[in-house]
Protein backbone atom coordinates (compact mmCIF):
# COMPACT_ATOMS: atom_id res chain seq x y z
CA UNK A 1 -0.08 -0.09 0.00
CA UNK A 2 1.08 3.55 -0.57
CA UNK A 3 1.14 6.22 2.04
CA UNK A 4 -2.44 6.73 3.63
CA UNK A 5 -4.19 10.15 3.19
CA UNK A 6 -7.22 9.54 5.46
CA UNK A 7 -10.60 11.12 4.31
CA UNK A 8 -13.31 9.30 5.97
CA UNK A 9 -13.86 5.86 7.69
CA UNK A 10 -12.16 3.39 5.39
CA UNK A 11 -11.49 6.11 2.69
CA UNK A 12 -7.97 6.98 1.80
CA UNK A 13 -6.12 8.76 -1.05
CA UNK A 14 -3.34 6.30 -1.01
CA UNK A 15 -0.64 6.59 -3.81
CA UNK A 16 -0.97 3.41 -5.83
CA UNK A 17 0.44 1.85 -8.87
CA UNK A 18 -2.39 0.58 -11.11
CA UNK A 19 -2.40 -1.88 -13.70
CA UNK A 20 -4.46 -0.40 -16.60
CA UNK A 21 -6.24 -2.53 -19.34
CA UNK A 22 -5.11 -1.12 -22.73
CA UNK A 23 -6.51 -1.34 -26.31
CA UNK A 24 -6.57 -3.88 -28.04
CA UNK A 25 -6.94 -5.86 -24.96
CA UNK A 26 -5.12 -8.98 -26.14
CA UNK A 27 -1.83 -10.06 -24.73
CA UNK A 28 -0.34 -13.52 -24.33
CA UNK A 29 -3.39 -15.60 -23.75
CA UNK A 30 -1.48 -18.66 -23.02
CA UNK A 31 0.17 -17.05 -19.88
CA UNK A 32 -1.36 -16.01 -16.59
CA UNK A 33 -2.93 -12.96 -14.90
CA UNK A 34 -1.95 -9.67 -16.27
CA UNK A 35 0.42 -11.14 -18.97
CA UNK A 36 -2.86 -12.36 -20.76
CA UNK A 37 -3.74 -8.65 -21.54
CA UNK A 38 -2.05 -5.62 -23.07
CA UNK A 39 -1.71 -3.25 -20.20
CA UNK A 40 0.13 -0.31 -18.65
CA UNK A 41 1.42 0.15 -15.14
CA UNK A 42 0.57 3.67 -14.08
CA UNK A 43 1.40 5.40 -10.47
CA UNK A 44 -1.49 7.29 -9.46
CA UNK A 45 -1.42 9.98 -6.68
CA UNK A 46 -4.96 10.97 -6.06
CA UNK A 47 -4.19 13.39 -3.22
CA UNK A 48 -2.46 15.59 -5.74
CA UNK A 49 -5.07 15.45 -8.51
CA UNK A 50 -8.45 15.78 -6.37
CA UNK A 51 -10.49 14.91 -3.30
CA UNK A 52 -13.33 12.65 -2.48
CA UNK A 53 -16.29 14.14 -0.81
CA UNK A 54 -19.63 12.90 0.54
CA UNK A 55 -22.61 15.18 -0.24
CA UNK A 56 -26.21 15.21 0.48
CA UNK A 57 -28.78 16.06 -2.34
CA UNK A 58 -32.36 16.78 -1.80
CA UNK A 59 -34.55 18.32 1.08
CA UNK A 60 -32.81 19.81 4.11
CA UNK A 61 -34.24 19.07 7.58
CA UNK A 62 -35.99 21.64 9.35
CA UNK A 63 -33.73 23.36 11.80
CA UNK A 64 -36.39 24.86 13.98
CA UNK A 65 -40.23 24.10 14.64
CA UNK A 66 -42.19 25.90 11.80
CA UNK A 67 -39.13 26.35 9.47
CA UNK A 68 -39.40 24.95 6.04
CA UNK A 69 -42.19 25.27 3.48
CA UNK A 70 -44.19 22.18 4.19
CA UNK A 71 -45.01 22.12 0.48
CA UNK A 72 -41.96 20.32 -0.93
CA UNK A 73 -39.38 23.20 -0.29
CA UNK A 74 -35.78 22.81 0.75
CA UNK A 75 -36.68 22.70 4.37
CA UNK A 76 -39.32 20.12 4.37
CA UNK A 77 -38.21 17.41 6.87
CA UNK A 78 -40.47 14.58 5.18
CA UNK A 79 -38.70 14.65 1.76
CA UNK A 80 -35.78 12.54 0.90
CA UNK A 81 -32.12 13.55 0.65
CA UNK A 82 -29.74 11.09 -1.09
CA UNK A 83 -26.16 10.57 -0.05
CA UNK A 84 -23.83 10.97 -3.00
CA UNK A 85 -20.07 10.33 -3.36
CA UNK A 86 -18.15 12.60 -5.58
CA UNK A 87 -14.57 12.80 -6.96
CA UNK A 88 -13.73 16.40 -7.36
CA UNK A 89 -10.73 17.09 -9.47
CA UNK A 90 -8.15 19.88 -8.93
CA UNK A 91 -7.18 20.15 -12.63
CA UNK A 92 -9.25 22.78 -14.44
CA UNK A 93 -12.50 21.34 -16.08
CA UNK A 94 -12.75 23.47 -19.15
CA UNK A 95 -15.76 25.01 -20.70
CA UNK A 96 -17.69 21.80 -20.46
CA UNK A 97 -16.98 19.69 -17.38
CA UNK A 98 -16.82 16.04 -17.89
CA UNK A 99 -18.98 14.16 -15.52
CA UNK A 100 -19.10 10.34 -14.99
CA UNK A 101 -22.07 8.79 -13.08
CA UNK A 102 -21.92 5.39 -11.75
CA UNK A 103 -24.84 3.10 -10.66
CA UNK A 104 -23.96 0.16 -8.25
CA UNK A 105 -25.86 -2.93 -7.80
CA UNK A 106 -29.03 -2.88 -5.52
CA UNK A 107 -28.68 -2.41 -1.75
CA UNK A 108 -30.47 -5.31 -0.65
CA UNK A 109 -30.87 -5.83 3.15
CA UNK A 110 -29.53 -9.64 2.76
CA UNK A 111 -26.33 -7.89 1.55
CA UNK A 112 -25.84 -5.83 4.77
CA UNK A 113 -27.74 -2.80 3.90
CA UNK A 114 -30.29 -1.80 6.78
CA UNK A 115 -33.88 -1.51 5.35
CA UNK A 116 -35.58 1.75 5.05
CA UNK A 117 -38.59 3.17 3.30
CA UNK A 118 -39.58 6.40 1.78
CA UNK A 119 -38.78 9.01 2.52
CA UNK A 120 -35.65 7.32 3.69
CA UNK A 121 -34.93 9.21 6.81
CA UNK A 122 -34.34 6.22 9.24
CA UNK A 123 -31.67 3.86 8.63
CA UNK A 124 -30.60 5.67 5.36
CA UNK A 125 -27.89 6.86 4.87
CA UNK A 126 -25.79 6.81 8.08
CA UNK A 127 -27.14 3.62 10.09
CA UNK A 128 -24.17 1.97 11.69
CA UNK A 129 -24.18 -1.98 11.57
CA UNK A 130 -24.23 -3.84 14.93
CA UNK A 131 -20.34 -4.24 15.32
CA UNK A 132 -18.80 -7.24 17.07
CA UNK A 133 -15.98 -4.66 17.99
CA UNK A 134 -15.42 -1.05 17.37
CA UNK A 135 -13.35 -1.71 14.53
CA UNK A 136 -15.93 -3.80 12.69
CA UNK A 137 -18.50 -1.10 12.82
CA UNK A 138 -19.81 -0.27 9.16
CA UNK A 139 -21.82 2.33 7.53
CA UNK A 140 -22.99 0.31 4.63
CA UNK A 141 -24.76 3.24 2.61
CA UNK A 142 -21.53 5.25 2.95
CA UNK A 143 -19.20 2.34 2.61
CA UNK A 144 -20.50 1.38 -0.85
CA UNK A 145 -19.29 4.63 -2.23
CA UNK A 146 -16.01 4.27 -0.72
CA UNK A 147 -15.52 0.66 -1.90
CA UNK A 148 -16.42 1.39 -5.53
CA UNK A 149 -14.93 4.62 -6.02
CA UNK A 150 -11.39 4.30 -3.85
CA UNK A 151 -10.79 1.33 -2.02
CA UNK A 152 -12.08 -1.79 -3.60
CA UNK A 153 -12.71 -1.41 -7.36
CA UNK A 154 -10.75 1.91 -7.46
CA UNK A 155 -13.05 3.39 -10.32
CA UNK A 156 -11.46 6.88 -9.61
CA UNK A 157 -7.88 5.48 -9.84
CA UNK A 158 -8.61 3.65 -13.13
CA UNK A 159 -9.88 6.88 -14.76
CA UNK A 160 -6.93 8.80 -13.53
CA UNK A 161 -4.65 6.08 -14.91
CA UNK A 162 -6.49 6.42 -18.05
CA UNK A 163 -5.84 10.25 -18.25
CA UNK A 164 -9.40 11.47 -17.68
CA UNK A 165 -10.24 14.43 -15.42
CA UNK A 166 -13.86 13.88 -14.59
CA UNK A 167 -16.14 14.83 -11.71
CA UNK A 168 -17.36 11.39 -10.68
CA UNK A 169 -20.71 11.12 -9.16
CA UNK A 170 -22.01 8.04 -7.56
CA UNK A 171 -25.47 8.14 -5.55
CA UNK A 172 -25.95 5.64 -2.66
CA UNK A 173 -29.21 3.71 -3.41
CA UNK A 174 -31.59 3.95 -0.40
CA UNK A 175 -32.83 0.39 0.23
CA UNK A 176 -33.21 -0.59 -3.39
CA UNK A 177 -34.88 2.40 -4.61
CA UNK A 178 -33.33 4.94 -6.97
CA UNK A 179 -36.22 7.32 -6.29
CA UNK A 180 -35.85 10.11 -9.08
CA UNK A 181 -32.35 9.36 -9.88
CA UNK A 182 -32.97 6.63 -12.61
CA UNK A 183 -35.03 8.93 -14.69
CA UNK A 184 -33.73 11.65 -17.05
CA UNK A 185 -35.21 14.80 -15.14
CA UNK A 186 -33.93 13.50 -11.87
CA UNK A 187 -30.39 12.57 -12.85
CA UNK A 188 -30.18 15.90 -14.99
CA UNK A 189 -30.96 17.73 -11.65
CA UNK A 190 -28.49 15.75 -9.57
CA UNK A 191 -25.67 16.56 -12.10
CA UNK A 192 -26.62 20.20 -12.14
CA UNK A 193 -26.91 20.35 -8.47
CA UNK A 194 -23.67 18.89 -7.71
CA UNK A 195 -21.73 21.00 -10.30
CA UNK A 196 -23.41 24.06 -8.96
CA UNK A 197 -22.39 23.17 -5.38
CA UNK A 198 -18.70 22.42 -6.44
CA UNK A 199 -18.43 25.81 -8.48
CA UNK A 200 -20.18 27.94 -5.88
CA UNK A 201 -17.73 26.82 -3.25
CA UNK A 202 -14.70 26.89 -5.51
CA UNK A 203 -13.81 23.28 -5.17
CA UNK A 204 -13.53 23.14 -9.02
CA UNK A 205 -12.46 25.78 -11.61
CA UNK A 206 -13.16 25.97 -15.23
CA UNK A 207 -9.90 27.70 -15.94
CA UNK A 208 -6.35 27.81 -14.15
CA UNK A 209 -4.72 30.94 -12.84
CA UNK A 210 -0.97 31.19 -12.32
CA UNK A 211 0.56 29.90 -9.07
CA UNK A 212 2.15 32.59 -6.76
CA UNK A 213 5.80 32.02 -6.29
CA UNK A 214 6.91 32.63 -2.59
CA UNK A 215 10.49 32.99 -1.34
CA UNK A 216 10.83 32.19 2.32
CA UNK A 217 13.47 33.45 4.68
CA UNK A 218 15.73 30.25 4.27
CA UNK A 219 16.05 30.82 0.61
CA UNK A 220 13.75 28.36 -0.57
CA UNK A 221 11.17 28.99 -3.30
CA UNK A 222 7.68 27.57 -3.15
CA UNK A 223 4.61 27.56 -5.20
CA UNK A 224 1.37 28.51 -3.74
CA UNK A 225 -1.29 26.96 -3.67
CA UNK A 226 0.36 23.47 -3.86
CA UNK A 227 -2.80 21.81 -4.86
CA UNK A 228 -6.46 22.50 -5.44
CA UNK A 229 -8.35 24.35 -8.07
CA UNK A 230 -7.20 27.92 -9.23
CA UNK A 231 -9.11 30.39 -11.23
CA UNK A 232 -12.57 31.11 -12.45
CA UNK A 233 -15.47 29.63 -10.43
CA UNK A 234 -18.22 30.45 -12.78
CA UNK A 235 -20.52 27.49 -13.52
CA UNK A 236 -20.41 26.58 -17.25
CA UNK A 237 -23.60 26.32 -19.15
CA UNK A 238 -23.09 22.74 -20.41
CA UNK A 239 -21.38 19.44 -19.54
CA UNK A 240 -20.53 16.02 -20.95
CA UNK A 241 -21.86 13.03 -19.26
CA UNK A 242 -20.93 9.31 -19.21
CA UNK A 243 -23.53 7.05 -17.48
CA UNK A 244 -22.14 3.73 -16.16
CA UNK A 245 -23.66 0.74 -14.28
CA UNK A 246 -22.43 -2.60 -13.09
CA UNK A 247 -24.32 -5.92 -12.59
CA UNK A 248 -27.86 -5.11 -11.81
CA UNK A 249 -26.92 -1.41 -11.46
CA UNK A 250 -27.30 -1.51 -15.25
CA UNK A 251 -31.16 -1.48 -14.69
CA UNK A 252 -30.86 2.09 -13.79
CA UNK A 253 -28.90 2.79 -17.08
CA UNK A 254 -31.44 1.03 -19.10
CA UNK A 255 -34.39 2.94 -17.51
CA UNK A 256 -32.48 6.25 -18.11
CA UNK A 257 -32.43 5.50 -21.80
CA UNK A 258 -36.19 6.22 -21.97
CA UNK A 259 -37.60 7.40 -18.54
CA UNK A 260 -38.30 11.20 -19.03
CA UNK A 261 -40.79 11.50 -16.17
CA UNK A 262 -40.54 11.13 -12.47
CA UNK A 263 -43.06 10.85 -9.55
CA UNK A 264 -43.72 14.50 -8.84
CA UNK A 265 -45.78 13.68 -5.54
CA UNK A 266 -42.85 12.01 -3.97
CA UNK A 267 -40.28 14.10 -5.80
CA UNK A 268 -41.35 17.65 -6.12
CA UNK A 269 -39.90 19.32 -9.40
CA UNK A 270 -38.57 22.33 -7.52
CA UNK A 271 -36.14 20.03 -5.81
CA UNK A 272 -35.68 17.02 -8.03
CA UNK A 273 -36.44 17.90 -11.66
CA UNK A 274 -34.71 19.54 -14.52
CA UNK A 275 -35.72 19.16 -18.25
CA UNK A 276 -34.89 15.68 -19.60
CA UNK A 277 -33.18 17.37 -22.40
CA UNK A 278 -30.64 18.80 -20.10
CA UNK A 279 -29.37 15.14 -19.63
CA UNK A 280 -30.11 13.72 -23.03
CA UNK A 281 -28.45 16.66 -24.96
CA UNK A 282 -25.22 16.37 -22.81
CA UNK A 283 -25.20 12.45 -22.44
CA UNK A 284 -22.12 11.23 -24.51
CA UNK A 285 -21.18 7.83 -23.34
CA UNK A 286 -22.68 4.65 -21.85
CA UNK A 287 -20.43 2.15 -20.17
CA UNK A 288 -21.94 -1.27 -19.70
CA UNK A 289 -19.88 -3.27 -16.95
CA UNK A 290 -21.19 -6.81 -16.86
CA UNK A 291 -24.67 -5.49 -16.75
CA UNK A 292 -27.63 -7.86 -15.77
CA UNK A 293 -31.02 -6.38 -17.07
CA UNK A 294 -33.88 -7.85 -15.04
CA UNK A 295 -35.96 -7.85 -18.03
CA UNK A 296 -33.46 -9.90 -20.06
CA UNK A 297 -30.51 -9.31 -22.39
CA UNK A 298 -32.55 -8.58 -25.51
CA UNK A 299 -34.45 -5.71 -23.56
CA UNK A 300 -31.10 -4.19 -22.57
CA UNK A 301 -29.46 -4.36 -26.18
CA UNK A 302 -32.75 -2.51 -27.44
CA UNK A 303 -32.62 0.02 -25.03
CA UNK A 304 -29.03 0.74 -25.92
CA UNK A 305 -29.54 0.52 -29.57
CA UNK A 306 -32.34 3.21 -29.15
CA UNK A 307 -30.11 5.41 -27.00
CA UNK A 308 -27.27 5.26 -29.64
CA UNK A 309 -29.90 6.53 -32.04
CA UNK A 310 -30.97 9.35 -29.90
CA UNK A 311 -30.07 13.16 -29.99
CA UNK A 312 -26.65 13.98 -31.17
CA UNK A 313 -26.27 10.25 -32.31
CA UNK A 314 -23.02 10.76 -33.98
CA UNK A 315 -21.42 11.92 -30.78
CA UNK A 316 -22.82 9.10 -28.65
CA UNK A 317 -20.56 5.99 -27.77
CA UNK A 318 -21.18 2.67 -26.07
CA UNK A 319 -18.45 0.41 -24.43
CA UNK A 320 -19.74 -2.89 -23.29
CA UNK A 321 -17.71 -5.47 -20.98
CA UNK A 322 -19.05 -8.95 -20.29
CA UNK A 323 -17.85 -12.14 -18.38
CA UNK A 324 -19.44 -15.57 -19.15
CA UNK A 325 -21.78 -14.96 -16.11
CA UNK A 326 -23.72 -12.28 -18.12
CA UNK A 327 -23.34 -13.30 -21.71
CA UNK A 328 -23.14 -16.52 -23.53
CA UNK A 329 -23.48 -15.60 -27.09
CA UNK A 330 -23.59 -16.19 -29.98
CA UNK A 331 -24.74 -12.64 -30.96
CA UNK A 332 -23.91 -9.75 -28.79
CA UNK A 333 -26.50 -7.40 -30.57
CA UNK A 334 -24.26 -4.38 -30.41
CA UNK A 335 -21.24 -5.00 -32.84
CA UNK A 336 -21.50 -7.35 -35.89
CA UNK A 337 -19.98 -10.86 -35.13
CA UNK A 338 -17.66 -10.26 -38.37
CA UNK A 339 -15.91 -7.53 -36.61
CA UNK A 340 -15.40 -9.30 -33.41
CA UNK A 341 -12.03 -11.12 -33.07
CA UNK A 342 -11.49 -13.98 -30.58
CA UNK A 343 -8.20 -15.01 -29.09
CA UNK A 344 -7.08 -17.81 -29.17
CA UNK A 345 -9.62 -19.14 -31.77
CA UNK A 346 -9.57 -22.36 -29.79
CA UNK A 347 -9.69 -21.70 -26.08
CA UNK A 348 -6.73 -23.05 -23.91
CA UNK A 349 -7.91 -24.15 -20.58
CA UNK A 350 -11.28 -22.31 -21.21
CA UNK A 351 -9.24 -18.95 -21.56
CA UNK A 352 -10.26 -16.61 -24.57
CA UNK A 353 -11.12 -13.04 -24.88
CA UNK A 354 -13.36 -11.41 -27.66
CA UNK A 355 -12.98 -7.72 -28.74
CA UNK A 356 -14.69 -5.75 -31.52
CA UNK A 357 -15.95 -2.39 -32.56
CA UNK A 358 -18.36 -0.97 -35.07
CA UNK A 359 -17.11 0.54 -38.30
CA UNK A 360 -17.32 4.23 -36.83
CA UNK A 361 -15.75 3.28 -33.67
CA UNK A 362 -18.66 4.26 -31.63
CA UNK A 363 -19.45 0.74 -29.90
CA UNK A 364 -16.86 -1.48 -28.36
CA UNK A 365 -17.54 -4.96 -27.18
CA UNK A 366 -15.28 -6.97 -24.85
CA UNK A 367 -16.15 -10.40 -23.66
CA UNK A 368 -13.95 -12.33 -21.32
CA UNK A 369 -14.23 -16.00 -20.56
CA UNK A 370 -14.54 -16.67 -16.68
CA UNK A 371 -11.13 -18.37 -16.60
CA UNK A 372 -9.38 -15.50 -18.24
CA UNK A 373 -10.39 -13.22 -15.27
CA UNK A 374 -9.29 -15.64 -12.53
CA UNK A 375 -6.18 -16.23 -10.69
CA UNK A 376 -4.59 -18.19 -7.72
CA UNK A 377 -2.89 -16.09 -5.16
CA UNK A 378 -0.67 -19.26 -4.11
CA UNK A 379 0.28 -20.08 -7.60
CA UNK A 380 3.91 -19.84 -8.62
CA UNK A 381 4.62 -16.47 -10.37
CA UNK A 382 1.45 -14.81 -8.74
CA UNK A 383 2.13 -10.88 -8.37
CA UNK A 384 0.32 -8.67 -6.08
CA UNK A 385 -1.03 -5.95 -8.38
CA UNK A 386 -3.94 -3.51 -8.35
CA UNK A 387 -6.27 -5.11 -9.25
CA UNK A 388 -5.13 -8.54 -8.10
CA UNK A 389 -5.89 -11.66 -9.84
CA UNK A 390 -7.18 -14.47 -7.60
CA UNK A 391 -8.93 -11.98 -5.13
CA UNK A 392 -12.13 -11.55 -7.21
CA UNK A 393 -14.47 -13.82 -8.98
CA UNK A 394 -14.86 -13.32 -12.69
CA UNK A 395 -18.02 -11.10 -12.43
CA UNK A 396 -16.44 -8.79 -9.92
CA UNK A 397 -13.04 -8.72 -11.73
CA UNK A 398 -14.86 -6.86 -14.65
CA UNK A 399 -15.37 -3.44 -12.81
CA UNK A 400 -11.83 -3.83 -11.60
CA UNK A 401 -10.47 -3.43 -15.11
CA UNK A 402 -13.37 -2.05 -17.41
CA UNK A 403 -13.26 1.60 -16.32
CA UNK A 404 -9.65 2.10 -17.15
CA UNK A 405 -10.21 0.69 -20.64
CA UNK A 406 -13.44 2.56 -21.28
CA UNK A 407 -11.82 5.91 -20.10
CA UNK A 408 -9.14 5.68 -22.62
CA UNK A 409 -11.53 6.17 -25.66
CA UNK A 410 -11.74 10.04 -26.27
CA UNK A 411 -15.09 11.81 -25.95
CA UNK A 412 -16.66 12.25 -29.33
């Protein structure tokens, strides 16, 4: 592990060396672990590149009797607020900030998430599970954000290793219910509110300003500030969005492809709604990370194809990554099979990888056989890497490598 920069329980900005999946993905498929893939080894120091923050989006609880509107305003104590993890870059974001949204698998009670119900003001979002000892105490709804973005799957690290500079937004799902956040108006509002907050508090900047050079009494010269945003805090009028989902989290992404309305009784428009076009007009990428649609694969493929043909179609792109747990062929439905290459043509001990793209490059398809993604930490030649083969099953290895690959493709 690198030097720890503690930021929240279980969350650290550690310097790490990341193995990043490159394109094309094929390496020596007769070998083991990372040698099977084309890859780069990239040092990442997130503490110098940005910060992880926890935000609450939605209604604010009343601070005194009689405060708040009682009609859906910001001070209504009986309206929801959603815990959201965000990665906030120090590097200037430019005229159209890049935003990556990630949807996790559902927060089922039998997976350790304390049950709650609308308006999610009980166990969600800060409940602490009954600990066996002080060190074993967990906050599952906050912990899922830390696990996916920083500590476990290292989604932020992967994108930094790929050279991207996005604001990353991951909502924590309250008790298996996304509320308004899996609708176009709801996600549009969430993105805009997060950006508004970050710019208003000068946590991000559109453009850089020169650093100030200081000469101290001992003769040393230093630049100030050492990190953090510098320059304009003016909120840009547009953004570019990437929306991603892993496993059953893809259901939210599928729904977003068509859901242009939300439940206005539960989620008043003044708090939770923006015009759907504010999302669809800025949505550039869709990343399917071993997605499992509850209505079946064909339903998912149809939704994705519809999205690809939507507003600004020539600027939309889709990257899909699947293990054998979620896809068994023969037609992936996104990239023509005559454009998909399988190596080796005859699997060796079950190991093979498929990759292909459409002629215009807008869609990429990568399929891993399960043995390709597995390893053995006790095997001769095993290497302790990030991510590390042999520590995850095939399905959960996909998000540990897919984001770095998807982020290497430039926005169109």
